[in-house]
Amino acid sequence: MTLSSIQEILDFAIEKEEEASRFYTDLADRMDNRPMQDLFRGFAREEQGHKAKLIQVKEGERLLPARERVMDLHIADYIVERDVNAAGVTVQDLDYQDALVIAMNREKAAFRLYKDLAAASEDREVKELFLGLAQEEAKHKLYFEVEYDEHILTDN
């Protein structure tokens, strides 16, 4: 897929944020544990917020860039994700550990996407937007990594 204009790039990013929001909403709806439901619904709202920022830029608004850098624990780099698409495995089968690993890896991929989009953008303000969104995705990943560290690694 080749993205040739800033409008196509923004549309692509908007689509990815919508996809992420649907993923977290679906995950929340399938969890029995109320705190897990709330956690994933919160991340669905965060992704909708990212989508709203992208739409604002598409409509011509200029946003202030984020300057914050987020720490990376690199936990997701060393954990194998359970294949939810494997025969017989459904989202309902996921436990908290599986859900955290999937979320970490999704946020890692979103971070890389925004870093790549920033690198490909020639518009300074759009580049700053993508870098800011990359940092927000890094915050999400860090949250999931801290949860994993505190609730999974300490239990083993």
N, C-alpha and C. Protein backbone atom coordinates (compact mmCIF):
# COMPACT_ATOMS: atom_id res chain seq x y z
N MET A 1 0.84 -1.18 0.00
CA MET A 1 0.00 0.00 0.00
C MET A 1 0.88 1.24 0.00
N THR A 2 0.60 2.13 -0.89
CA THR A 2 1.34 3.37 -0.98
C THR A 2 0.44 4.53 -0.57
N LEU A 3 0.91 5.29 0.37
CA LEU A 3 0.17 6.47 0.80
C LEU A 3 0.87 7.69 0.20
N SER A 4 0.17 8.37 -0.70
CA SER A 4 0.84 9.43 -1.44
C SER A 4 0.52 10.83 -0.97
N SER A 5 -0.55 11.03 -0.25
CA SER A 5 -0.88 12.39 0.18
C SER A 5 -1.08 12.41 1.68
N ILE A 6 -0.99 13.60 2.24
CA ILE A 6 -1.19 13.75 3.67
C ILE A 6 -2.61 13.33 4.05
N GLN A 7 -3.59 13.59 3.18
CA GLN A 7 -4.97 13.19 3.46
C GLN A 7 -5.08 11.67 3.54
N GLU A 8 -4.40 10.95 2.64
CA GLU A 8 -4.42 9.49 2.68
C GLU A 8 -3.74 8.97 3.95
N ILE A 9 -2.66 9.60 4.33
CA ILE A 9 -1.94 9.20 5.54
C ILE A 9 -2.82 9.41 6.76
N LEU A 10 -3.49 10.57 6.82
CA LEU A 10 -4.38 10.84 7.95
C LEU A 10 -5.55 9.87 7.96
N ASP A 11 -6.12 9.58 6.78
CA ASP A 11 -7.22 8.61 6.71
C ASP A 11 -6.77 7.23 7.20
N PHE A 12 -5.58 6.83 6.82
CA PHE A 12 -5.02 5.55 7.25
C PHE A 12 -4.88 5.52 8.78
N ALA A 13 -4.31 6.59 9.33
CA ALA A 13 -4.11 6.66 10.78
C ALA A 13 -5.46 6.67 11.51
N ILE A 14 -6.44 7.39 10.97
CA ILE A 14 -7.78 7.43 11.57
C ILE A 14 -8.38 6.03 11.57
N GLU A 15 -8.23 5.33 10.47
CA GLU A 15 -8.74 3.95 10.38
C GLU A 15 -8.07 3.05 11.42
N LYS A 16 -6.77 3.19 11.60
CA LYS A 16 -6.04 2.37 12.59
C LYS A 16 -6.50 2.68 14.01
N GLU A 17 -6.78 3.94 14.31
CA GLU A 17 -7.26 4.29 15.64
C GLU A 17 -8.66 3.73 15.88
N GLU A 18 -9.50 3.79 14.86
CA GLU A 18 -10.84 3.21 14.96
C GLU A 18 -10.75 1.70 15.19
N GLU A 19 -9.86 1.06 14.47
CA GLU A 19 -9.64 -0.39 14.63
C GLU A 19 -9.18 -0.71 16.05
N ALA A 20 -8.27 0.09 16.57
CA ALA A 20 -7.77 -0.13 17.94
C ALA A 20 -8.89 0.07 18.96
N SER A 21 -9.72 1.08 18.76
CA SER A 21 -10.83 1.32 19.66
C SER A 21 -11.81 0.15 19.65
N ARG A 22 -12.11 -0.35 18.47
CA ARG A 22 -13.01 -1.52 18.36
C ARG A 22 -12.40 -2.74 19.05
N PHE A 23 -11.09 -2.93 18.88
CA PHE A 23 -10.41 -4.06 19.50
C PHE A 23 -10.56 -4.00 21.02
N TYR A 24 -10.26 -2.84 21.62
CA TYR A 24 -10.33 -2.73 23.07
C TYR A 24 -11.77 -2.83 23.57
N THR A 25 -12.72 -2.28 22.82
CA THR A 25 -14.13 -2.40 23.19
C THR A 25 -14.56 -3.86 23.16
N ASP A 26 -14.18 -4.55 22.10
CA ASP A 26 -14.52 -5.97 21.97
C ASP A 26 -13.89 -6.78 23.10
N LEU A 27 -12.64 -6.49 23.39
CA LEU A 27 -11.95 -7.19 24.47
C LEU A 27 -12.66 -6.92 25.81
N ALA A 28 -13.04 -5.68 26.06
CA ALA A 28 -13.74 -5.34 27.30
C ALA A 28 -15.07 -6.07 27.40
N ASP A 29 -15.80 -6.13 26.29
CA ASP A 29 -17.11 -6.78 26.28
C ASP A 29 -17.02 -8.27 26.57
N ARG A 30 -15.88 -8.86 26.31
CA ARG A 30 -15.74 -10.31 26.46
C ARG A 30 -15.07 -10.73 27.77
N MET A 31 -14.71 -9.75 28.57
CA MET A 31 -14.05 -10.05 29.84
C MET A 31 -15.09 -10.19 30.95
N ASP A 32 -14.87 -11.16 31.83
CA ASP A 32 -15.76 -11.36 32.98
C ASP A 32 -15.38 -10.45 34.14
N ASN A 33 -14.12 -10.10 34.23
CA ASN A 33 -13.59 -9.32 35.33
C ASN A 33 -13.89 -7.83 35.10
N ARG A 34 -14.64 -7.22 36.02
CA ARG A 34 -15.06 -5.81 35.88
C ARG A 34 -13.88 -4.85 35.76
N PRO A 35 -12.83 -4.96 36.60
CA PRO A 35 -11.69 -4.06 36.43
C PRO A 35 -11.04 -4.18 35.05
N MET A 36 -10.99 -5.39 34.50
CA MET A 36 -10.43 -5.57 33.15
C MET A 36 -11.33 -4.91 32.12
N GLN A 37 -12.64 -5.04 32.29
CA GLN A 37 -13.58 -4.38 31.38
C GLN A 37 -13.35 -2.87 31.38
N ASP A 38 -13.26 -2.30 32.58
CA ASP A 38 -13.06 -0.86 32.70
C ASP A 38 -11.73 -0.42 32.09
N LEU A 39 -10.70 -1.21 32.33
CA LEU A 39 -9.38 -0.91 31.79
C LEU A 39 -9.42 -0.84 30.27
N PHE A 40 -9.98 -1.86 29.64
CA PHE A 40 -9.98 -1.89 28.19
C PHE A 40 -10.95 -0.86 27.59
N ARG A 41 -12.04 -0.57 28.28
CA ARG A 41 -12.94 0.50 27.79
C ARG A 41 -12.22 1.86 27.85
N GLY A 42 -11.42 2.05 28.88
CA GLY A 42 -10.64 3.28 28.99
C GLY A 42 -9.66 3.43 27.83
N PHE A 43 -9.03 2.34 27.46
CA PHE A 43 -8.10 2.40 26.33
C PHE A 43 -8.84 2.60 25.01
N ALA A 44 -10.05 2.07 24.90
CA ALA A 44 -10.87 2.31 23.71
C ALA A 44 -11.15 3.81 23.60
N ARG A 45 -11.47 4.46 24.72
CA ARG A 45 -11.72 5.91 24.71
C ARG A 45 -10.46 6.68 24.34
N GLU A 46 -9.32 6.23 24.83
CA GLU A 46 -8.04 6.88 24.48
C GLU A 46 -7.81 6.84 22.96
N GLU A 47 -8.07 5.68 22.37
CA GLU A 47 -7.88 5.54 20.92
C GLU A 47 -8.86 6.43 20.17
N GLN A 48 -10.08 6.58 20.69
CA GLN A 48 -11.04 7.51 20.07
C GLN A 48 -10.53 8.95 20.17
N GLY A 49 -9.85 9.26 21.27
CA GLY A 49 -9.25 10.59 21.41
C GLY A 49 -8.17 10.82 20.37
N HIS A 50 -7.37 9.80 20.09
CA HIS A 50 -6.35 9.92 19.05
C HIS A 50 -7.02 10.16 17.70
N LYS A 51 -8.08 9.41 17.44
CA LYS A 51 -8.82 9.56 16.19
C LYS A 51 -9.33 11.00 16.06
N ALA A 52 -9.87 11.55 17.15
CA ALA A 52 -10.38 12.91 17.13
C ALA A 52 -9.28 13.92 16.79
N LYS A 53 -8.09 13.72 17.34
CA LYS A 53 -6.97 14.61 17.03
C LYS A 53 -6.63 14.55 15.55
N LEU A 54 -6.60 13.34 15.00
CA LEU A 54 -6.28 13.18 13.59
C LEU A 54 -7.34 13.84 12.71
N ILE A 55 -8.59 13.72 13.10
CA ILE A 55 -9.67 14.35 12.33
C ILE A 55 -9.53 15.87 12.40
N GLN A 56 -9.18 16.39 13.56
CA GLN A 56 -8.98 17.84 13.69
C GLN A 56 -7.90 18.33 12.74
N VAL A 57 -6.81 17.60 12.67
CA VAL A 57 -5.72 17.99 11.77
C VAL A 57 -6.19 17.89 10.32
N LYS A 58 -6.91 16.85 10.00
CA LYS A 58 -7.42 16.67 8.64
C LYS A 58 -8.33 17.84 8.24
N GLU A 59 -9.06 18.36 9.22
CA GLU A 59 -9.97 19.47 8.96
C GLU A 59 -9.27 20.82 9.03
N GLY A 60 -7.96 20.82 9.21
CA GLY A 60 -7.20 22.05 9.14
C GLY A 60 -6.78 22.66 10.46
N GLU A 61 -7.16 22.05 11.56
CA GLU A 61 -6.73 22.58 12.86
C GLU A 61 -5.28 22.21 13.13
N ARG A 62 -4.62 23.05 13.87
CA ARG A 62 -3.23 22.78 14.26
C ARG A 62 -3.21 22.48 15.75
N LEU A 63 -2.55 21.41 16.11
CA LEU A 63 -2.47 20.99 17.51
C LEU A 63 -1.08 21.23 18.05
N LEU A 64 -1.00 21.43 19.34
CA LEU A 64 0.31 21.60 19.97
C LEU A 64 1.01 20.25 20.06
N PRO A 65 2.28 20.21 19.72
CA PRO A 65 3.01 18.93 19.78
C PRO A 65 3.29 18.51 21.22
N ALA A 66 3.37 17.21 21.41
CA ALA A 66 3.75 16.65 22.71
C ALA A 66 5.27 16.63 22.80
N ARG A 67 5.80 16.94 23.94
CA ARG A 67 7.26 16.97 24.11
C ARG A 67 7.76 15.87 25.03
N GLU A 68 6.87 15.15 25.63
CA GLU A 68 7.22 14.15 26.63
C GLU A 68 7.77 12.88 25.98
N ARG A 69 8.83 12.34 26.55
CA ARG A 69 9.35 11.03 26.12
C ARG A 69 8.95 10.02 27.19
N VAL A 70 8.57 8.85 26.74
CA VAL A 70 8.06 7.83 27.64
C VAL A 70 9.06 6.69 27.78
N MET A 71 9.24 6.24 29.00
CA MET A 71 10.13 5.12 29.28
C MET A 71 9.57 3.84 28.65
N ASP A 72 10.46 2.95 28.27
CA ASP A 72 10.05 1.67 27.70
C ASP A 72 10.70 0.56 28.52
N LEU A 73 9.88 -0.31 29.10
CA LEU A 73 10.41 -1.42 29.89
C LEU A 73 10.85 -2.59 29.02
N HIS A 74 10.46 -2.60 27.76
CA HIS A 74 10.81 -3.64 26.77
C HIS A 74 10.29 -5.02 27.14
N ILE A 75 9.31 -5.10 28.01
CA ILE A 75 8.76 -6.41 28.37
C ILE A 75 8.14 -7.09 27.16
N ALA A 76 7.44 -6.32 26.34
CA ALA A 76 6.78 -6.90 25.16
C ALA A 76 7.79 -7.50 24.18
N ASP A 77 9.03 -7.06 24.24
CA ASP A 77 10.05 -7.58 23.33
C ASP A 77 10.40 -9.04 23.61
N TYR A 78 10.06 -9.52 24.79
CA TYR A 78 10.50 -10.85 25.20
C TYR A 78 9.36 -11.82 25.51
N ILE A 79 8.16 -11.44 25.16
CA ILE A 79 6.99 -12.27 25.48
C ILE A 79 6.31 -12.70 24.19
N VAL A 80 5.99 -13.96 24.10
CA VAL A 80 5.30 -14.49 22.93
C VAL A 80 3.80 -14.30 23.13
N GLU A 81 3.18 -13.73 22.12
CA GLU A 81 1.74 -13.48 22.17
C GLU A 81 0.97 -14.73 21.82
N ARG A 82 -0.07 -15.01 22.57
CA ARG A 82 -0.95 -16.14 22.28
C ARG A 82 -1.73 -15.82 21.00
N ASP A 83 -1.80 -16.80 20.11
CA ASP A 83 -2.48 -16.61 18.84
C ASP A 83 -3.99 -16.77 19.02
N VAL A 84 -4.68 -15.64 19.05
CA VAL A 84 -6.13 -15.65 19.24
C VAL A 84 -6.82 -16.23 18.01
N ASN A 85 -6.15 -16.23 16.88
CA ASN A 85 -6.74 -16.75 15.64
C ASN A 85 -6.50 -18.25 15.46
N ALA A 86 -5.76 -18.86 16.38
CA ALA A 86 -5.51 -20.30 16.27
C ALA A 86 -6.82 -21.06 16.44
N ALA A 87 -6.85 -22.24 15.88
CA ALA A 87 -8.06 -23.07 15.94
C ALA A 87 -8.50 -23.27 17.39
N GLY A 88 -9.75 -22.94 17.65
CA GLY A 88 -10.32 -23.18 18.96
C GLY A 88 -10.06 -22.11 20.00
N VAL A 89 -9.23 -21.12 19.71
CA VAL A 89 -8.94 -20.07 20.68
C VAL A 89 -9.79 -18.85 20.35
N THR A 90 -10.50 -18.34 21.35
CA THR A 90 -11.32 -17.15 21.17
C THR A 90 -10.92 -16.09 22.17
N VAL A 91 -11.40 -14.88 21.96
CA VAL A 91 -11.09 -13.81 22.90
C VAL A 91 -11.62 -14.16 24.29
N GLN A 92 -12.72 -14.91 24.36
CA GLN A 92 -13.26 -15.31 25.65
C GLN A 92 -12.30 -16.21 26.41
N ASP A 93 -11.40 -16.89 25.71
CA ASP A 93 -10.44 -17.79 26.34
C ASP A 93 -9.27 -17.05 26.97
N LEU A 94 -9.13 -15.78 26.67
CA LEU A 94 -7.98 -15.03 27.15
C LEU A 94 -8.07 -14.77 28.64
N ASP A 95 -6.96 -14.93 29.31
CA ASP A 95 -6.89 -14.50 30.70
C ASP A 95 -6.22 -13.13 30.73
N TYR A 96 -6.05 -12.59 31.91
CA TYR A 96 -5.48 -11.24 32.04
C TYR A 96 -4.09 -11.17 31.42
N GLN A 97 -3.28 -12.18 31.63
CA GLN A 97 -1.93 -12.21 31.07
C GLN A 97 -1.99 -12.13 29.55
N ASP A 98 -2.81 -12.97 28.92
CA ASP A 98 -2.94 -12.95 27.46
C ASP A 98 -3.38 -11.57 26.97
N ALA A 99 -4.37 -11.00 27.63
CA ALA A 99 -4.90 -9.70 27.22
C ALA A 99 -3.82 -8.63 27.32
N LEU A 100 -3.03 -8.66 28.39
CA LEU A 100 -1.96 -7.67 28.55
C LEU A 100 -0.90 -7.83 27.46
N VAL A 101 -0.54 -9.05 27.14
CA VAL A 101 0.48 -9.29 26.11
C VAL A 101 -0.01 -8.79 24.75
N ILE A 102 -1.25 -9.11 24.41
CA ILE A 102 -1.81 -8.63 23.14
C ILE A 102 -1.83 -7.11 23.11
N ALA A 103 -2.27 -6.50 24.21
CA ALA A 103 -2.34 -5.04 24.27
C ALA A 103 -0.95 -4.41 24.15
N MET A 104 0.03 -4.98 24.83
CA MET A 104 1.40 -4.46 24.74
C MET A 104 1.88 -4.47 23.29
N ASN A 105 1.67 -5.59 22.63
CA ASN A 105 2.15 -5.72 21.25
C ASN A 105 1.39 -4.82 20.28
N ARG A 106 0.10 -4.62 20.51
CA ARG A 106 -0.66 -3.70 19.66
C ARG A 106 -0.16 -2.27 19.83
N GLU A 107 0.11 -1.88 21.07
CA GLU A 107 0.60 -0.52 21.33
C GLU A 107 2.01 -0.33 20.78
N LYS A 108 2.81 -1.37 20.85
CA LYS A 108 4.16 -1.32 20.27
C LYS A 108 4.07 -1.10 18.75
N ALA A 109 3.15 -1.82 18.10
CA ALA A 109 2.95 -1.67 16.66
C ALA A 109 2.43 -0.27 16.33
N ALA A 110 1.52 0.26 17.15
CA ALA A 110 0.98 1.60 16.91
C ALA A 110 2.09 2.64 17.07
N PHE A 111 2.96 2.46 18.07
CA PHE A 111 4.09 3.36 18.26
C PHE A 111 4.97 3.38 17.01
N ARG A 112 5.29 2.21 16.51
CA ARG A 112 6.14 2.12 15.31
C ARG A 112 5.46 2.75 14.10
N LEU A 113 4.15 2.53 13.97
CA LEU A 113 3.41 3.13 12.86
C LEU A 113 3.55 4.65 12.88
N TYR A 114 3.30 5.26 14.04
CA TYR A 114 3.38 6.72 14.11
C TYR A 114 4.80 7.24 13.93
N LYS A 115 5.78 6.50 14.41
CA LYS A 115 7.17 6.91 14.18
C LYS A 115 7.47 6.88 12.68
N ASP A 116 7.01 5.82 12.00
CA ASP A 116 7.24 5.71 10.55
C ASP A 116 6.49 6.79 9.78
N LEU A 117 5.24 7.07 10.18
CA LEU A 117 4.48 8.13 9.52
C LEU A 117 5.14 9.49 9.73
N ALA A 118 5.67 9.71 10.92
CA ALA A 118 6.38 10.97 11.19
C ALA A 118 7.61 11.09 10.31
N ALA A 119 8.34 10.00 10.18
CA ALA A 119 9.55 10.02 9.35
C ALA A 119 9.22 10.27 7.88
N ALA A 120 8.05 9.81 7.44
CA ALA A 120 7.67 9.96 6.04
C ALA A 120 7.02 11.32 5.74
N SER A 121 6.64 12.04 6.78
CA SER A 121 5.93 13.30 6.58
C SER A 121 6.90 14.45 6.36
N GLU A 122 6.57 15.28 5.39
CA GLU A 122 7.39 16.46 5.12
C GLU A 122 6.82 17.70 5.81
N ASP A 123 5.56 17.64 6.21
CA ASP A 123 4.90 18.75 6.91
C ASP A 123 5.32 18.71 8.38
N ARG A 124 5.95 19.76 8.84
CA ARG A 124 6.49 19.80 10.20
C ARG A 124 5.41 19.59 11.25
N GLU A 125 4.26 20.23 11.08
CA GLU A 125 3.20 20.11 12.07
C GLU A 125 2.61 18.70 12.10
N VAL A 126 2.46 18.09 10.94
CA VAL A 126 1.95 16.72 10.88
C VAL A 126 2.97 15.77 11.48
N LYS A 127 4.24 16.01 11.18
CA LYS A 127 5.31 15.19 11.77
C LYS A 127 5.24 15.26 13.30
N GLU A 128 5.06 16.47 13.83
CA GLU A 128 4.95 16.64 15.29
C GLU A 128 3.72 15.93 15.85
N LEU A 129 2.61 15.97 15.12
CA LEU A 129 1.41 15.27 15.54
C LEU A 129 1.69 13.77 15.65
N PHE A 130 2.29 13.20 14.62
CA PHE A 130 2.58 11.76 14.63
C PHE A 130 3.56 11.40 15.74
N LEU A 131 4.55 12.24 15.97
CA LEU A 131 5.48 11.97 17.06
C LEU A 131 4.78 12.04 18.41
N GLY A 132 3.85 12.99 18.55
CA GLY A 132 3.07 13.07 19.79
C GLY A 132 2.19 11.85 19.99
N LEU A 133 1.55 11.39 18.91
CA LEU A 133 0.72 10.19 19.00
C LEU A 133 1.58 8.96 19.29
N ALA A 134 2.78 8.92 18.74
CA ALA A 134 3.68 7.81 19.04
C ALA A 134 3.98 7.77 20.54
N GLN A 135 4.19 8.93 21.14
CA GLN A 135 4.46 8.98 22.58
C GLN A 135 3.24 8.55 23.39
N GLU A 136 2.04 8.90 22.91
CA GLU A 136 0.83 8.46 23.62
C GLU A 136 0.69 6.94 23.55
N GLU A 137 1.01 6.36 22.39
CA GLU A 137 0.97 4.90 22.27
C GLU A 137 2.04 4.27 23.16
N ALA A 138 3.17 4.93 23.27
CA ALA A 138 4.23 4.43 24.16
C ALA A 138 3.76 4.45 25.62
N LYS A 139 2.97 5.47 26.00
CA LYS A 139 2.41 5.52 27.35
C LYS A 139 1.48 4.34 27.59
N HIS A 140 0.66 4.03 26.60
CA HIS A 140 -0.25 2.89 26.73
C HIS A 140 0.55 1.60 26.92
N LYS A 141 1.57 1.43 26.09
CA LYS A 141 2.40 0.23 26.18
C LYS A 141 3.05 0.15 27.55
N LEU A 142 3.56 1.26 28.03
CA LEU A 142 4.19 1.29 29.35
C LEU A 142 3.19 0.90 30.43
N TYR A 143 1.97 1.40 30.34
CA TYR A 143 0.95 1.04 31.31
C TYR A 143 0.76 -0.48 31.34
N PHE A 144 0.61 -1.08 30.15
CA PHE A 144 0.40 -2.53 30.08
C PHE A 144 1.63 -3.28 30.57
N GLU A 145 2.83 -2.75 30.30
CA GLU A 145 4.05 -3.41 30.78
C GLU A 145 4.14 -3.35 32.31
N VAL A 146 3.79 -2.22 32.88
CA VAL A 146 3.81 -2.10 34.35
C VAL A 146 2.79 -3.05 34.96
N GLU A 147 1.59 -3.12 34.37
CA GLU A 147 0.58 -4.07 34.84
C GLU A 147 1.11 -5.50 34.79
N TYR A 148 1.76 -5.83 33.68
CA TYR A 148 2.31 -7.17 33.51
C TYR A 148 3.38 -7.43 34.56
N ASP A 149 4.26 -6.47 34.74
CA ASP A 149 5.34 -6.62 35.71
C ASP A 149 4.79 -6.80 37.13
N GLU A 150 3.80 -6.00 37.49
CA GLU A 150 3.27 -6.03 38.85
C GLU A 150 2.35 -7.21 39.12
N HIS A 151 1.59 -7.66 38.10
CA HIS A 151 0.57 -8.67 38.36
C HIS A 151 0.87 -10.04 37.78
N ILE A 152 1.78 -10.11 36.83
CA ILE A 152 2.10 -11.41 36.23
C ILE A 152 3.49 -11.86 36.64
N LEU A 153 4.49 -11.03 36.42
CA LEU A 153 5.86 -11.43 36.74
C LEU A 153 6.07 -11.64 38.24
N THR A 154 5.41 -10.85 39.06
CA THR A 154 5.57 -11.03 40.51
C THR A 154 4.85 -12.26 41.02
N ASP A 155 3.86 -12.75 40.26
CA ASP A 155 3.15 -13.97 40.67
C ASP A 155 3.93 -15.23 40.31
N ASN A 156 4.89 -15.12 39.42
CA ASN A 156 5.65 -16.31 38.98
C ASN A 156 6.93 -16.48 39.75
